[in-house]
């Protein structure tokens, strides 16, 4: 049997499906994303952690501290967040493990992404097991993602100077 594939006409519809998946979790929610900017998704991850689920996030190293990344929120809320190694076998921009199922998402969880049709492919057992093995192996040697300090734009620093954003 071929994997089930579902299309979504915009990011809001994709987000809604991802939120439903995360909220349905009973034991774990593992997310891999090249770029994570969506506040509702990270809030759902926080709620999953609050419900004592196993919550882990892998982010692409080049985008972990990019503009609008939610890494600092994840770290501040004690959600285990790691940098995805170059060898991680992700065939798409994002993937979400909820309990014993794997959803492969063909886009980043970036609410600023251009409008387009998104697809989620629900993996079969063999694909899921291969992905889970790679995820667990990655965690054994993964680098913890650290949020870069945010510049003090518009705030006074210790010398009393105020920096204004460039025009």
N, C-alpha and C. Protein backbone atom coordinates (compact mmCIF):
# COMPACT_ATOMS: atom_id res chain seq x y z
N UNK A 1 0.84 -1.19 0.00
CA UNK A 1 0.00 0.00 0.00
C UNK A 1 0.88 1.24 0.00
N UNK A 2 0.50 2.22 -0.80
CA UNK A 2 1.29 3.45 -0.86
C UNK A 2 0.90 4.34 0.30
N UNK A 3 1.84 5.20 0.73
CA UNK A 3 1.55 6.09 1.86
C UNK A 3 0.43 7.06 1.52
N UNK A 4 -0.32 7.44 2.53
CA UNK A 4 -1.40 8.40 2.38
C UNK A 4 -0.82 9.80 2.24
N UNK A 5 -1.28 10.55 1.23
CA UNK A 5 -0.82 11.92 1.02
C UNK A 5 -2.04 12.85 1.04
N UNK A 6 -1.93 13.95 1.81
CA UNK A 6 -3.02 14.90 1.92
C UNK A 6 -2.48 16.28 1.54
N UNK A 7 -3.26 17.02 0.75
CA UNK A 7 -2.87 18.36 0.33
C UNK A 7 -3.62 19.41 1.13
N UNK A 8 -2.95 20.55 1.34
CA UNK A 8 -3.53 21.69 2.05
C UNK A 8 -3.34 22.91 1.17
N UNK A 9 -4.38 23.72 1.05
CA UNK A 9 -4.38 24.83 0.09
C UNK A 9 -3.62 26.06 0.56
N UNK A 10 -3.26 26.12 1.85
CA UNK A 10 -2.52 27.28 2.36
C UNK A 10 -1.85 26.90 3.67
N UNK A 11 -1.03 27.80 4.19
CA UNK A 11 -0.30 27.49 5.41
C UNK A 11 -1.23 27.34 6.61
N UNK A 12 -2.29 28.15 6.66
CA UNK A 12 -3.22 28.06 7.79
C UNK A 12 -3.83 26.67 7.89
N UNK A 13 -4.16 26.06 6.78
CA UNK A 13 -4.72 24.70 6.78
C UNK A 13 -3.68 23.69 7.22
N UNK A 14 -2.45 23.86 6.73
CA UNK A 14 -1.36 22.98 7.15
C UNK A 14 -1.14 23.12 8.66
N UNK A 15 -1.07 24.36 9.14
CA UNK A 15 -0.87 24.61 10.57
C UNK A 15 -1.96 23.92 11.38
N UNK A 16 -3.20 24.03 10.96
CA UNK A 16 -4.31 23.43 11.68
C UNK A 16 -4.12 21.92 11.81
N UNK A 17 -3.70 21.27 10.75
CA UNK A 17 -3.45 19.82 10.79
C UNK A 17 -2.30 19.49 11.73
N UNK A 18 -1.22 20.26 11.68
CA UNK A 18 -0.08 20.04 12.56
C UNK A 18 -0.50 20.23 14.02
N UNK A 19 -1.27 21.26 14.30
CA UNK A 19 -1.75 21.50 15.67
C UNK A 19 -2.63 20.36 16.15
N UNK A 20 -3.50 19.85 15.28
CA UNK A 20 -4.34 18.71 15.65
C UNK A 20 -3.50 17.48 15.96
N UNK A 21 -2.46 17.25 15.15
CA UNK A 21 -1.60 16.09 15.40
C UNK A 21 -0.89 16.23 16.74
N UNK A 22 -0.31 17.40 17.01
CA UNK A 22 0.43 17.60 18.26
C UNK A 22 -0.52 17.45 19.45
N UNK A 23 -1.71 18.02 19.35
CA UNK A 23 -2.64 17.95 20.49
C UNK A 23 -3.17 16.55 20.73
N UNK A 24 -3.11 15.69 19.71
CA UNK A 24 -3.59 14.31 19.87
C UNK A 24 -2.53 13.38 20.47
N UNK A 25 -1.30 13.86 20.59
CA UNK A 25 -0.20 13.01 21.09
C UNK A 25 -0.47 12.54 22.51
N UNK A 26 -0.07 11.30 22.77
CA UNK A 26 -0.23 10.72 24.10
C UNK A 26 1.10 10.37 24.75
N UNK A 27 2.18 10.18 23.94
CA UNK A 27 3.46 9.86 24.56
C UNK A 27 4.63 10.68 24.01
N UNK A 28 4.61 11.03 22.72
CA UNK A 28 5.73 11.82 22.20
C UNK A 28 5.33 12.67 21.01
N UNK A 29 6.09 13.76 20.88
CA UNK A 29 6.00 14.64 19.72
C UNK A 29 7.42 15.05 19.38
N UNK A 30 7.90 14.56 18.26
CA UNK A 30 9.24 14.91 17.79
C UNK A 30 9.07 15.67 16.48
N UNK A 31 9.70 16.83 16.39
CA UNK A 31 9.57 17.67 15.20
C UNK A 31 10.95 17.92 14.60
N UNK A 32 11.02 17.79 13.29
CA UNK A 32 12.22 18.17 12.54
C UNK A 32 11.77 19.22 11.54
N UNK A 33 12.45 20.37 11.52
CA UNK A 33 12.08 21.40 10.56
C UNK A 33 13.31 22.22 10.17
N UNK A 34 13.37 22.55 8.89
CA UNK A 34 14.48 23.37 8.45
C UNK A 34 14.34 24.80 8.98
N UNK A 35 13.11 25.27 9.12
CA UNK A 35 12.88 26.65 9.57
C UNK A 35 11.57 26.69 10.33
N UNK A 36 11.60 27.05 11.59
CA UNK A 36 10.42 27.04 12.46
C UNK A 36 10.15 28.45 12.97
N UNK A 37 9.12 29.09 12.42
CA UNK A 37 8.77 30.45 12.85
C UNK A 37 7.37 30.53 13.43
N UNK A 38 6.60 29.49 13.31
CA UNK A 38 5.19 29.60 13.67
C UNK A 38 4.98 29.52 15.17
N UNK A 39 4.46 30.59 15.75
CA UNK A 39 4.24 30.67 17.19
C UNK A 39 3.21 29.70 17.70
N UNK A 40 2.18 29.42 16.90
CA UNK A 40 1.15 28.47 17.34
C UNK A 40 1.71 27.06 17.43
N UNK A 41 2.58 26.69 16.51
CA UNK A 41 3.19 25.36 16.55
C UNK A 41 4.08 25.23 17.78
N UNK A 42 4.91 26.23 18.07
CA UNK A 42 5.78 26.11 19.24
C UNK A 42 4.96 26.17 20.54
N UNK A 43 3.86 26.90 20.55
CA UNK A 43 2.98 26.89 21.72
C UNK A 43 2.38 25.50 21.93
N UNK A 44 2.02 24.84 20.84
CA UNK A 44 1.49 23.48 20.94
C UNK A 44 2.56 22.52 21.46
N UNK A 45 3.81 22.73 21.03
CA UNK A 45 4.91 21.90 21.55
C UNK A 45 5.08 22.13 23.05
N UNK A 46 4.97 23.39 23.46
CA UNK A 46 5.05 23.70 24.89
C UNK A 46 3.94 22.99 25.66
N UNK A 47 2.72 23.03 25.13
CA UNK A 47 1.60 22.36 25.80
C UNK A 47 1.82 20.85 25.86
N UNK A 48 2.41 20.28 24.81
CA UNK A 48 2.71 18.84 24.83
C UNK A 48 3.72 18.54 25.92
N UNK A 49 4.72 19.39 26.05
CA UNK A 49 5.72 19.20 27.11
C UNK A 49 5.06 19.36 28.48
N UNK A 50 4.17 20.32 28.60
CA UNK A 50 3.44 20.56 29.85
C UNK A 50 2.63 19.31 30.23
N UNK A 51 2.15 18.58 29.23
CA UNK A 51 1.40 17.34 29.48
C UNK A 51 2.34 16.16 29.73
N UNK A 52 3.61 16.45 29.96
CA UNK A 52 4.64 15.43 30.27
C UNK A 52 4.90 14.46 29.13
N UNK A 53 4.77 14.93 27.91
CA UNK A 53 5.12 14.10 26.76
C UNK A 53 6.61 14.28 26.45
N UNK A 54 7.14 13.35 25.69
CA UNK A 54 8.51 13.43 25.21
C UNK A 54 8.51 14.37 23.99
N UNK A 55 9.01 15.58 24.17
CA UNK A 55 9.02 16.58 23.09
C UNK A 55 10.47 16.89 22.74
N UNK A 56 10.81 16.70 21.47
CA UNK A 56 12.14 17.00 20.97
C UNK A 56 12.03 17.68 19.62
N UNK A 57 12.96 18.61 19.36
CA UNK A 57 12.95 19.37 18.11
C UNK A 57 14.35 19.34 17.52
N UNK A 58 14.43 19.08 16.23
CA UNK A 58 15.68 19.20 15.46
C UNK A 58 15.50 20.35 14.48
N UNK A 59 16.42 21.31 14.51
CA UNK A 59 16.37 22.44 13.58
C UNK A 59 17.60 22.45 12.69
N UNK A 60 17.44 22.94 11.49
CA UNK A 60 18.58 23.05 10.57
C UNK A 60 19.55 24.09 11.12
N UNK A 61 20.86 23.78 11.17
CA UNK A 61 21.81 24.71 11.79
C UNK A 61 21.86 26.09 11.13
N UNK A 62 21.66 26.17 9.82
CA UNK A 62 21.76 27.47 9.16
C UNK A 62 20.55 28.36 9.44
N UNK A 63 19.44 27.76 9.89
CA UNK A 63 18.22 28.54 10.13
C UNK A 63 17.82 28.59 11.59
N UNK A 64 18.53 27.89 12.47
CA UNK A 64 18.13 27.81 13.87
C UNK A 64 18.03 29.18 14.52
N UNK A 65 18.94 30.09 14.18
CA UNK A 65 18.92 31.44 14.74
C UNK A 65 18.58 32.50 13.70
N UNK A 66 17.95 32.09 12.62
CA UNK A 66 17.58 33.04 11.58
C UNK A 66 16.45 33.94 12.05
N UNK A 67 16.20 34.98 11.30
CA UNK A 67 15.14 35.93 11.62
C UNK A 67 13.82 35.19 11.85
N UNK A 68 13.14 35.49 12.93
CA UNK A 68 11.85 34.95 13.32
C UNK A 68 11.89 33.49 13.79
N UNK A 69 13.05 32.89 13.88
CA UNK A 69 13.14 31.53 14.40
C UNK A 69 12.63 31.51 15.84
N UNK A 70 11.99 30.43 16.22
CA UNK A 70 11.43 30.30 17.57
C UNK A 70 12.35 29.53 18.52
N UNK A 71 13.63 29.44 18.18
CA UNK A 71 14.58 28.69 19.01
C UNK A 71 14.63 29.23 20.44
N UNK A 72 14.70 30.54 20.60
CA UNK A 72 14.82 31.07 21.97
C UNK A 72 13.58 30.72 22.80
N UNK A 73 12.40 30.73 22.19
CA UNK A 73 11.19 30.33 22.90
C UNK A 73 11.28 28.87 23.33
N UNK A 74 11.70 28.01 22.42
CA UNK A 74 11.83 26.58 22.74
C UNK A 74 12.81 26.38 23.90
N UNK A 75 13.96 27.02 23.82
CA UNK A 75 14.98 26.85 24.87
C UNK A 75 14.51 27.44 26.19
N UNK A 76 13.89 28.62 26.15
CA UNK A 76 13.40 29.26 27.38
C UNK A 76 12.33 28.42 28.07
N UNK A 77 11.63 27.60 27.31
CA UNK A 77 10.58 26.76 27.87
C UNK A 77 11.03 25.31 28.05
N UNK A 78 12.34 25.12 28.07
CA UNK A 78 12.96 23.83 28.36
C UNK A 78 12.48 22.70 27.45
N UNK A 79 12.30 23.03 26.18
CA UNK A 79 11.98 22.02 25.18
C UNK A 79 13.30 21.60 24.54
N UNK A 80 13.59 20.30 24.59
CA UNK A 80 14.85 19.79 24.06
C UNK A 80 14.95 20.12 22.57
N UNK A 81 15.93 20.94 22.22
CA UNK A 81 16.10 21.40 20.84
C UNK A 81 17.55 21.19 20.43
N UNK A 82 17.73 20.55 19.28
CA UNK A 82 19.06 20.18 18.80
C UNK A 82 19.25 20.66 17.37
N UNK A 83 20.52 20.71 16.97
CA UNK A 83 20.85 21.05 15.58
C UNK A 83 20.88 19.77 14.75
N UNK A 84 20.26 19.84 13.60
CA UNK A 84 20.20 18.71 12.69
C UNK A 84 21.57 18.54 12.02
N UNK A 85 22.19 17.37 12.15
CA UNK A 85 23.47 17.17 11.47
C UNK A 85 23.26 17.06 9.95
N UNK A 86 24.32 17.35 9.20
CA UNK A 86 24.24 17.27 7.74
C UNK A 86 23.87 15.87 7.27
N UNK A 87 24.18 14.86 8.07
CA UNK A 87 23.92 13.48 7.68
C UNK A 87 22.49 13.02 7.96
N UNK A 88 21.67 13.88 8.57
CA UNK A 88 20.31 13.46 8.91
C UNK A 88 19.50 13.23 7.64
N UNK A 89 18.86 12.06 7.52
CA UNK A 89 18.19 11.70 6.26
C UNK A 89 16.79 12.28 6.10
N UNK A 90 16.66 13.58 6.13
CA UNK A 90 15.34 14.21 5.94
C UNK A 90 15.17 14.50 4.45
N UNK A 91 14.14 13.92 3.87
CA UNK A 91 13.90 14.07 2.44
C UNK A 91 13.00 15.27 2.11
N UNK A 92 12.54 15.97 3.14
CA UNK A 92 11.65 17.11 2.93
C UNK A 92 12.01 18.20 3.94
N UNK A 93 11.24 19.27 3.95
CA UNK A 93 11.58 20.40 4.82
C UNK A 93 11.23 20.14 6.28
N UNK A 94 10.22 19.31 6.55
CA UNK A 94 9.79 19.07 7.94
C UNK A 94 9.24 17.66 8.09
N UNK A 95 9.26 17.19 9.31
CA UNK A 95 8.63 15.91 9.64
C UNK A 95 8.18 15.97 11.09
N UNK A 96 7.09 15.28 11.37
CA UNK A 96 6.51 15.29 12.70
C UNK A 96 6.18 13.86 13.11
N UNK A 97 6.76 13.45 14.23
CA UNK A 97 6.44 12.15 14.81
C UNK A 97 5.48 12.42 15.96
N UNK A 98 4.33 11.78 15.91
CA UNK A 98 3.36 11.86 16.99
C UNK A 98 3.06 10.42 17.40
N UNK A 99 3.47 10.10 18.62
CA UNK A 99 3.34 8.74 19.14
C UNK A 99 4.02 7.76 18.19
N UNK A 100 3.24 6.95 17.47
CA UNK A 100 3.84 5.95 16.59
C UNK A 100 3.57 6.23 15.12
N UNK A 101 3.30 7.49 14.77
CA UNK A 101 3.08 7.80 13.36
C UNK A 101 4.03 8.92 12.92
N UNK A 102 4.34 8.92 11.63
CA UNK A 102 5.25 9.90 11.04
C UNK A 102 4.53 10.62 9.91
N UNK A 103 4.54 11.95 9.99
CA UNK A 103 4.00 12.79 8.93
C UNK A 103 5.16 13.57 8.33
N UNK A 104 5.37 13.42 7.04
CA UNK A 104 6.43 14.13 6.33
C UNK A 104 5.79 15.32 5.62
N UNK A 105 6.30 16.51 5.92
CA UNK A 105 5.70 17.76 5.43
C UNK A 105 6.64 18.37 4.39
N UNK A 106 6.09 18.77 3.25
CA UNK A 106 6.92 19.27 2.15
C UNK A 106 7.26 20.75 2.26
N UNK A 107 7.13 21.34 3.45
CA UNK A 107 7.48 22.74 3.64
C UNK A 107 7.93 22.98 5.06
N UNK A 108 8.62 24.10 5.26
CA UNK A 108 9.01 24.50 6.61
C UNK A 108 7.78 25.01 7.36
N UNK A 109 7.85 24.99 8.67
CA UNK A 109 6.74 25.52 9.48
C UNK A 109 6.99 27.01 9.69
N UNK A 110 6.92 27.72 8.58
CA UNK A 110 7.22 29.15 8.51
C UNK A 110 5.97 29.89 8.06
N UNK A 111 5.37 30.63 8.99
CA UNK A 111 4.12 31.31 8.66
C UNK A 111 4.31 32.41 7.62
N UNK A 112 5.56 32.80 7.35
CA UNK A 112 5.83 33.82 6.33
C UNK A 112 6.08 33.22 4.95
N UNK A 113 5.99 31.89 4.84
CA UNK A 113 6.26 31.24 3.55
C UNK A 113 5.25 31.72 2.51
N UNK A 114 5.68 31.77 1.26
CA UNK A 114 4.75 32.18 0.21
C UNK A 114 3.56 31.20 0.13
N UNK A 115 2.41 31.74 -0.22
CA UNK A 115 1.22 30.90 -0.33
C UNK A 115 1.42 29.87 -1.43
N UNK A 116 1.12 28.63 -1.07
CA UNK A 116 1.21 27.55 -2.04
C UNK A 116 0.46 26.34 -1.47
N UNK A 117 0.38 25.30 -2.24
CA UNK A 117 -0.23 24.06 -1.77
C UNK A 117 0.84 23.27 -1.02
N UNK A 118 0.48 22.79 0.16
CA UNK A 118 1.39 21.97 0.98
C UNK A 118 0.89 20.54 0.95
N UNK A 119 1.82 19.61 1.16
CA UNK A 119 1.44 18.21 1.23
C UNK A 119 2.05 17.56 2.46
N UNK A 120 1.25 16.73 3.10
CA UNK A 120 1.73 15.87 4.18
C UNK A 120 1.59 14.44 3.70
N UNK A 121 2.67 13.69 3.83
CA UNK A 121 2.64 12.27 3.51
C UNK A 121 2.75 11.51 4.82
N UNK A 122 1.78 10.68 5.08
CA UNK A 122 1.78 9.85 6.29
C UNK A 122 2.53 8.57 5.96
N UNK A 123 3.67 8.40 6.60
CA UNK A 123 4.59 7.32 6.25
C UNK A 123 4.05 5.96 6.67
N UNK A 124 4.51 4.93 5.95
CA UNK A 124 4.17 3.57 6.35
C UNK A 124 5.10 3.13 7.47
N UNK A 125 4.87 1.94 7.99
CA UNK A 125 5.61 1.44 9.15
C UNK A 125 7.12 1.38 8.90
N UNK A 126 7.52 0.91 7.73
CA UNK A 126 8.96 0.79 7.43
C UNK A 126 9.62 2.16 7.38
N UNK A 127 8.99 3.12 6.72
CA UNK A 127 9.54 4.48 6.65
C UNK A 127 9.61 5.10 8.04
N UNK A 128 8.56 4.91 8.82
CA UNK A 128 8.53 5.44 10.18
C UNK A 128 9.66 4.85 11.01
N UNK A 129 9.83 3.54 10.96
CA UNK A 129 10.87 2.89 11.76
C UNK A 129 12.27 3.36 11.35
N UNK A 130 12.48 3.54 10.05
CA UNK A 130 13.77 4.05 9.57
C UNK A 130 14.01 5.47 10.08
N UNK A 131 12.98 6.30 10.03
CA UNK A 131 13.09 7.68 10.49
C UNK A 131 13.36 7.72 11.99
N UNK A 132 12.60 6.94 12.77
CA UNK A 132 12.78 6.92 14.22
C UNK A 132 14.19 6.46 14.59
N UNK A 133 14.71 5.47 13.88
CA UNK A 133 16.08 5.01 14.12
C UNK A 133 17.09 6.12 13.87
N UNK A 134 16.91 6.84 12.76
CA UNK A 134 17.82 7.94 12.43
C UNK A 134 17.70 9.06 13.47
N UNK A 135 16.48 9.35 13.91
CA UNK A 135 16.26 10.41 14.89
C UNK A 135 16.94 10.04 16.21
N UNK A 136 16.72 8.82 16.68
CA UNK A 136 17.31 8.39 17.95
C UNK A 136 18.84 8.35 17.87
N UNK A 137 19.37 7.89 16.74
CA UNK A 137 20.83 7.87 16.56
C UNK A 137 21.38 9.29 16.55
N UNK A 138 20.68 10.21 15.92
CA UNK A 138 21.10 11.61 15.87
C UNK A 138 21.14 12.22 17.26
N UNK A 139 20.14 11.91 18.08
CA UNK A 139 20.08 12.49 19.42
C UNK A 139 21.25 12.06 20.29
N UNK A 140 21.78 10.87 20.03
CA UNK A 140 22.88 10.37 20.87
C UNK A 140 24.14 11.23 20.73
N UNK A 141 24.30 11.91 19.59
CA UNK A 141 25.48 12.76 19.41
C UNK A 141 25.14 14.16 18.96
N UNK A 142 23.89 14.56 19.16
CA UNK A 142 23.44 15.85 18.63
C UNK A 142 23.96 17.02 19.45
N UNK A 143 24.14 18.12 18.77
CA UNK A 143 24.53 19.37 19.40
C UNK A 143 23.27 20.09 19.87
N UNK A 144 23.27 20.51 21.13
CA UNK A 144 22.14 21.27 21.65
C UNK A 144 22.11 22.62 20.94
N UNK A 145 20.94 23.00 20.47
CA UNK A 145 20.78 24.29 19.80
C UNK A 145 20.76 25.40 20.84
N UNK A 146 21.62 26.38 20.67
CA UNK A 146 21.67 27.53 21.58
C UNK A 146 21.20 28.76 20.85
N UNK A 147 20.31 29.50 21.47
CA UNK A 147 19.80 30.72 20.86
C UNK A 147 20.86 31.81 20.89
N UNK A 148 21.03 32.48 19.77
CA UNK A 148 21.97 33.60 19.70
C UNK A 148 21.37 34.79 20.43
N UNK A 149 22.22 35.61 21.07
CA UNK A 149 21.68 36.79 21.76
C UNK A 149 21.01 37.74 20.77
N UNK A 150 19.92 38.32 21.21
CA UNK A 150 19.19 39.27 20.38
C UNK A 150 19.82 40.65 20.56
N UNK A 151 20.11 41.36 19.46
CA UNK A 151 20.70 42.69 19.61
C UNK A 151 19.76 43.65 20.32
N UNK A 152 20.33 44.56 21.08
CA UNK A 152 19.54 45.54 21.83
C UNK A 152 19.14 46.72 20.97
N UNK A 153 18.34 46.47 19.98
CA UNK A 153 17.90 47.55 19.11
C UNK A 153 16.82 48.35 19.83
N UNK A 154 17.04 49.65 19.98
CA UNK A 154 16.07 50.52 20.63
C UNK A 154 16.10 50.46 22.15
N UNK A 155 17.01 49.68 22.72
CA UNK A 155 17.12 49.59 24.18
C UNK A 155 18.47 50.15 24.59
N UNK A 156 18.52 50.74 25.78
CA UNK A 156 19.80 51.27 26.22
C UNK A 156 20.68 50.12 26.70
N UNK A 157 21.97 50.25 26.48
CA UNK A 157 22.91 49.22 26.95
C UNK A 157 23.55 49.72 28.24
N UNK A 158 24.55 49.03 28.71
CA UNK A 158 25.16 49.38 29.99
C UNK A 158 25.86 50.74 29.94
N UNK A 159 26.26 51.21 28.76
CA UNK A 159 26.90 52.52 28.66
C UNK A 159 25.88 53.64 28.49
N UNK A 160 24.60 53.30 28.46
CA UNK A 160 23.56 54.32 28.33
C UNK A 160 23.29 54.74 26.91
N UNK A 161 23.97 54.13 25.93
CA UNK A 161 23.71 54.49 24.53
C UNK A 161 22.44 53.78 24.05
N UNK A 162 21.75 54.42 23.15
CA UNK A 162 20.57 53.81 22.55
C UNK A 162 20.88 53.57 21.08
N UNK A 163 20.67 52.32 20.64
CA UNK A 163 20.89 51.99 19.23
C UNK A 163 19.55 51.98 18.52
N UNK A 164 19.51 52.64 17.41
CA UNK A 164 18.28 52.68 16.63
C UNK A 164 18.46 51.81 15.39
N UNK A 165 17.37 51.20 14.93
CA UNK A 165 17.50 50.38 13.73
C UNK A 165 17.89 51.21 12.52
N UNK A 166 18.58 50.60 11.60
CA UNK A 166 18.98 51.30 10.37
C UNK A 166 17.74 51.71 9.60
N UNK A 167 17.76 52.88 8.96
CA UNK A 167 16.57 53.33 8.21
C UNK A 167 16.32 52.48 6.98
